[in-house]
Structure formats: structure tokens, C-alpha cells
Amino acid sequence: MTKHRKPYKTFTREFKLEALRMMEQSDKPSSEIAAELGIRRR
């Protein structure tokens, strides 16, 4: 049986820049911000 992988999520440049801005301006840990955005922290 072959497992089917989910396609990778793609994010817009604007989404990425906004995520970076949130991380720079917030006192929250990056893992918490990632959870709010629905993404994994790397």
C-alpha cells in the first residue's frame, strides 16, 4: 500500500514578512506565535 503525503503548504511573501514582524515586536516565544499562525516552528 502506498502512503499519500499531503502537499506542502505554500505561504505568500506577505504572510512570511508579517510572521517575522510579529516575532520581532512580540514578547511571546516564537513557538507560541507559530501556533497562533497555524505553522510549525523551525
N, C-alpha and C. Protein backbone atom coordinates (compact mmCIF):
# COMPACT_ATOMS: atom_id res chain seq x y z
N MET A 1 0.84 -1.17 0.00
CA MET A 1 0.00 0.00 0.00
C MET A 1 0.89 1.24 0.00
N THR A 2 0.56 2.21 -0.81
CA THR A 2 1.34 3.43 -0.92
C THR A 2 0.72 4.52 -0.05
N LYS A 3 1.55 5.17 0.74
CA LYS A 3 1.06 6.29 1.54
C LYS A 3 1.07 7.55 0.69
N HIS A 4 0.03 8.33 0.81
CA HIS A 4 -0.04 9.59 0.10
C HIS A 4 0.27 10.71 1.06
N ARG A 5 1.26 11.52 0.69
CA ARG A 5 1.63 12.64 1.54
C ARG A 5 0.78 13.85 1.20
N LYS A 6 0.55 14.66 2.21
CA LYS A 6 -0.14 15.92 1.97
C LYS A 6 0.79 16.83 1.19
N PRO A 7 0.24 17.63 0.31
CA PRO A 7 1.11 18.59 -0.39
C PRO A 7 1.63 19.63 0.60
N TYR A 8 2.81 20.15 0.33
CA TYR A 8 3.37 21.17 1.19
C TYR A 8 2.53 22.43 1.13
N LYS A 9 2.42 23.10 2.28
CA LYS A 9 1.74 24.39 2.30
C LYS A 9 2.67 25.42 1.72
N THR A 10 2.12 26.34 0.97
CA THR A 10 2.93 27.45 0.47
C THR A 10 2.37 28.73 1.07
N PHE A 11 3.25 29.62 1.46
CA PHE A 11 2.85 30.85 2.10
C PHE A 11 3.32 32.03 1.24
N THR A 12 2.51 33.06 1.23
CA THR A 12 2.85 34.24 0.44
C THR A 12 4.00 34.99 1.12
N ARG A 13 4.64 35.81 0.34
CA ARG A 13 5.73 36.64 0.87
C ARG A 13 5.20 37.55 1.98
N GLU A 14 3.99 38.07 1.79
CA GLU A 14 3.39 38.96 2.78
C GLU A 14 3.16 38.23 4.10
N PHE A 15 2.69 36.98 4.04
CA PHE A 15 2.47 36.18 5.24
C PHE A 15 3.79 35.98 5.99
N LYS A 16 4.84 35.65 5.25
CA LYS A 16 6.15 35.42 5.87
C LYS A 16 6.68 36.69 6.52
N LEU A 17 6.56 37.82 5.83
CA LEU A 17 7.04 39.07 6.39
C LEU A 17 6.25 39.46 7.64
N GLU A 18 4.95 39.24 7.61
CA GLU A 18 4.11 39.54 8.77
C GLU A 18 4.49 38.64 9.94
N ALA A 19 4.77 37.38 9.69
CA ALA A 19 5.18 36.46 10.75
C ALA A 19 6.50 36.93 11.37
N LEU A 20 7.44 37.35 10.56
CA LEU A 20 8.71 37.87 11.07
C LEU A 20 8.50 39.13 11.90
N ARG A 21 7.63 40.01 11.42
CA ARG A 21 7.34 41.24 12.15
C ARG A 21 6.75 40.93 13.52
N MET A 22 5.82 39.96 13.55
CA MET A 22 5.21 39.57 14.82
C MET A 22 6.26 39.05 15.80
N MET A 23 7.19 38.26 15.30
CA MET A 23 8.22 37.69 16.16
C MET A 23 9.16 38.77 16.70
N GLU A 24 9.47 39.75 15.88
CA GLU A 24 10.37 40.82 16.31
C GLU A 24 9.72 41.75 17.33
N GLN A 25 8.42 42.02 17.18
CA GLN A 25 7.75 43.01 18.00
C GLN A 25 7.05 42.43 19.23
N SER A 26 6.98 41.12 19.32
CA SER A 26 6.24 40.50 20.41
C SER A 26 7.18 39.97 21.48
N ASP A 27 6.67 39.92 22.71
CA ASP A 27 7.42 39.32 23.80
C ASP A 27 7.11 37.83 23.93
N LYS A 28 6.22 37.34 23.10
CA LYS A 28 5.84 35.93 23.14
C LYS A 28 6.95 35.07 22.54
N PRO A 29 7.06 33.83 23.00
CA PRO A 29 8.04 32.92 22.37
C PRO A 29 7.62 32.59 20.94
N SER A 30 8.61 32.30 20.11
CA SER A 30 8.33 32.03 18.70
C SER A 30 7.42 30.82 18.53
N SER A 31 7.51 29.85 19.43
CA SER A 31 6.65 28.66 19.33
C SER A 31 5.18 29.03 19.52
N GLU A 32 4.91 30.00 20.39
CA GLU A 32 3.53 30.44 20.63
C GLU A 32 2.99 31.20 19.42
N ILE A 33 3.80 32.04 18.83
CA ILE A 33 3.40 32.78 17.63
C ILE A 33 3.13 31.81 16.49
N ALA A 34 4.00 30.82 16.33
CA ALA A 34 3.81 29.82 15.28
C ALA A 34 2.49 29.08 15.47
N ALA A 35 2.17 28.73 16.71
CA ALA A 35 0.92 28.03 16.99
C ALA A 35 -0.28 28.92 16.63
N GLU A 36 -0.19 30.20 16.93
CA GLU A 36 -1.29 31.14 16.59
C GLU A 36 -1.48 31.22 15.08
N LEU A 37 -0.38 31.15 14.35
CA LEU A 37 -0.45 31.26 12.89
C LEU A 37 -0.77 29.92 12.22
N GLY A 38 -0.74 28.85 12.99
CA GLY A 38 -1.03 27.53 12.43
C GLY A 38 0.11 26.95 11.64
N ILE A 39 1.35 27.30 12.03
CA ILE A 39 2.52 26.79 11.34
C ILE A 39 3.45 26.14 12.35
N ARG A 40 4.43 25.37 11.85
CA ARG A 40 5.43 24.76 12.72
C ARG A 40 6.61 25.69 12.87
N ARG A 41 7.20 25.68 14.05
CA ARG A 41 8.41 26.47 14.28
C ARG A 41 9.61 25.65 13.87
N ARG A 42 10.54 26.23 13.17
CA ARG A 42 11.76 25.53 12.75
C ARG A 42 12.94 26.04 13.49
